[in-house]
Amino acid sequence: MSAIISVFLYLIVLFGVSSILFFSLVSIWSTTEPVIAYLLSLIITHLILNTFGQIGKRDN
């Protein structure tokens, strides 16, 4: 049950942070391909969250 809650929280954080990153990037640079910009912000956010997870596992 805790794994389902962890995955759900991860998805909320992933899409929340990537949406904030997307809207901040689109407000700075105009783009003709917003879907690609959102997917790139989603990938970047996933990589950052994965790196934080690896740092937490390495300390134990």
Protein backbone atom coordinates (compact mmCIF):
# COMPACT_ATOMS: atom_id res chain seq x y z
CA MET A 1 0.00 0.00 0.00
CA SER A 2 2.85 2.38 0.77
CA ALA A 3 4.36 1.72 -2.67
CA ILE A 4 1.15 2.89 -4.36
CA ILE A 5 1.15 6.05 -2.26
CA SER A 6 4.84 6.66 -3.05
CA VAL A 7 4.24 6.27 -6.79
CA PHE A 8 1.21 8.56 -6.63
CA LEU A 9 3.18 11.24 -4.75
CA TYR A 10 6.07 10.90 -7.17
CA LEU A 11 3.75 11.44 -10.14
CA ILE A 12 2.17 14.47 -8.49
CA VAL A 13 5.58 16.01 -7.82
CA LEU A 14 6.84 15.07 -11.29
CA PHE A 15 3.96 16.64 -13.19
CA GLY A 16 3.72 19.62 -10.82
CA VAL A 17 7.37 20.60 -11.07
CA SER A 18 7.53 19.94 -14.80
CA SER A 19 4.43 22.11 -15.34
CA ILE A 20 5.98 24.94 -13.36
CA LEU A 21 9.22 24.56 -15.35
CA PHE A 22 7.27 24.47 -18.62
CA PHE A 23 5.27 27.62 -17.89
CA SER A 24 8.37 29.50 -16.74
CA LEU A 25 10.28 28.48 -19.88
CA VAL A 26 7.39 29.34 -22.20
CA SER A 27 7.04 32.74 -20.55
CA ILE A 28 10.73 33.44 -21.23
CA TRP A 29 11.03 31.91 -24.70
CA SER A 30 8.15 31.67 -27.13
CA THR A 31 7.87 28.30 -28.83
CA THR A 32 5.93 26.90 -31.74
CA GLU A 33 6.10 23.35 -30.32
CA PRO A 34 4.72 23.45 -26.76
CA VAL A 35 4.32 19.66 -26.56
CA ILE A 36 8.02 19.10 -27.16
CA ALA A 37 8.87 21.78 -24.61
CA TYR A 38 6.62 20.11 -22.02
CA LEU A 39 8.10 16.67 -22.72
CA LEU A 40 11.61 18.07 -22.34
CA SER A 41 10.70 19.69 -19.02
CA LEU A 42 9.15 16.37 -17.93
CA ILE A 43 12.36 14.50 -18.82
CA ILE A 44 14.55 17.05 -17.05
CA THR A 45 12.39 16.89 -13.93
CA HIS A 46 12.48 13.08 -13.94
CA LEU A 47 16.27 13.08 -14.24
CA ILE A 48 16.61 15.56 -11.36
CA LEU A 49 14.26 13.56 -9.12
CA ASN A 50 16.10 10.35 -10.03
CA THR A 51 19.41 11.97 -9.11
CA PHE A 52 18.04 13.04 -5.73
CA GLY A 53 16.82 9.48 -5.17
CA GLN A 54 20.23 8.04 -6.01
CA ILE A 55 21.92 10.45 -3.60
CA GLY A 56 19.56 9.33 -0.83
CA LYS A 57 20.27 5.65 -1.51
CA ARG A 58 24.03 6.18 -1.64
CA ASP A 59 24.17 7.70 1.86
CA ASN A 60 22.69 4.57 3.50
